[in-house]
Amino acid sequence: MIYLGYGSLNESQAWSDSRWQRDVTGERYYQTRQSFFFKVSYRHQF
């Protein structure tokens, strides 16, 4: 199968010590990246 799509990456971030901290357990998620993606997968059965 071949997949082609467009998506975004949402990460949990918080402002601390004058910079953004990633992977912080919080209630809000922020969109950090957007891009096209291409994925190829296969399933081989014996």
C-alpha atoms as a PDB file:
ATOM      1  CA  MET A   1       0.000   0.000   0.000  1.00  0.00           C
ATOM      2  CA  ILE A   2       1.115   3.519  -0.688  1.00  0.00           C
ATOM      3  CA  TYR A   3      -0.004   6.511   1.355  1.00  0.00           C
ATOM      4  CA  LEU A   4       0.435  10.161   0.436  1.00  0.00           C
ATOM      5  CA  GLY A   5      -0.989  12.819   2.696  1.00  0.00           C
ATOM      6  CA  TYR A   6      -0.672  16.057   4.562  1.00  0.00           C
ATOM      7  CA  GLY A   7      -0.615  16.299   8.317  1.00  0.00           C
ATOM      8  CA  SER A   8       0.503  18.180  11.357  1.00  0.00           C
ATOM      9  CA  LEU A   9       2.481  17.335  14.478  1.00  0.00           C
ATOM     10  CA  ASN A  10       0.996  18.443  17.788  1.00  0.00           C
ATOM     11  CA  GLU A  11       3.193  18.505  20.875  1.00  0.00           C
ATOM     12  CA  SER A  12       2.619  19.286  24.516  1.00  0.00           C
ATOM     13  CA  GLN A  13       4.689  22.345  25.417  1.00  0.00           C
ATOM     14  CA  ALA A  14       4.940  24.812  28.269  1.00  0.00           C
ATOM     15  CA  TRP A  15       6.778  28.107  28.742  1.00  0.00           C
ATOM     16  CA  SER A  16       9.392  27.817  31.470  1.00  0.00           C
ATOM     17  CA  ASP A  17      12.715  29.535  32.224  1.00  0.00           C
ATOM     18  CA  SER A  18      12.355  31.940  29.258  1.00  0.00           C
ATOM     19  CA  ARG A  19      12.005  29.149  26.683  1.00  0.00           C
ATOM     20  CA  TRP A  20       9.632  26.432  25.465  1.00  0.00           C
ATOM     21  CA  GLN A  21       9.899  23.061  27.191  1.00  0.00           C
ATOM     22  CA  ARG A  22       8.805  19.971  25.209  1.00  0.00           C
ATOM     23  CA  ASP A  23       7.161  16.807  26.500  1.00  0.00           C
ATOM     24  CA  VAL A  24       5.576  18.578  29.429  1.00  0.00           C
ATOM     25  CA  THR A  25       2.436  17.001  30.767  1.00  0.00           C
ATOM     26  CA  GLY A  26      -0.170  19.639  30.208  1.00  0.00           C
ATOM     27  CA  GLU A  27      -3.651  20.220  28.983  1.00  0.00           C
ATOM     28  CA  ARG A  28      -2.764  22.093  25.796  1.00  0.00           C
ATOM     29  CA  TYR A  29      -1.174  20.804  22.634  1.00  0.00           C
ATOM     30  CA  TYR A  30       0.369  23.153  20.082  1.00  0.00           C
ATOM     31  CA  GLN A  31       0.801  22.562  16.378  1.00  0.00           C
ATOM     32  CA  THR A  32       4.550  22.618  15.797  1.00  0.00           C
ATOM     33  CA  ARG A  33       5.000  21.328  12.225  1.00  0.00           C
ATOM     34  CA  GLN A  34       3.037  20.761   9.043  1.00  0.00           C
ATOM     35  CA  SER A  35       4.222  18.706   6.100  1.00  0.00           C
ATOM     36  CA  PHE A  36       3.401  16.241   3.372  1.00  0.00           C
ATOM     37  CA  PHE A  37       4.206  12.612   4.061  1.00  0.00           C
ATOM     38  CA  PHE A  38       4.789   9.527   1.978  1.00  0.00           C
ATOM     39  CA  LYS A  39       4.531   6.014   3.401  1.00  0.00           C
ATOM     40  CA  VAL A  40       4.938   2.629   1.799  1.00  0.00           C
ATOM     41  CA  SER A  41       3.974  -0.518   3.655  1.00  0.00           C
ATOM     42  CA  TYR A  42       3.645  -4.147   2.743  1.00  0.00           C
ATOM     43  CA  ARG A  43       2.497  -7.361   4.312  1.00  0.00           C
ATOM     44  CA  HIS A  44       4.120 -10.586   3.308  1.00  0.00           C
ATOM     45  CA  GLN A  45       2.420 -13.804   4.346  1.00  0.00           C
ATOM     46  CA  PHE A  46       4.003 -17.214   4.223  1.00  0.00           C
END
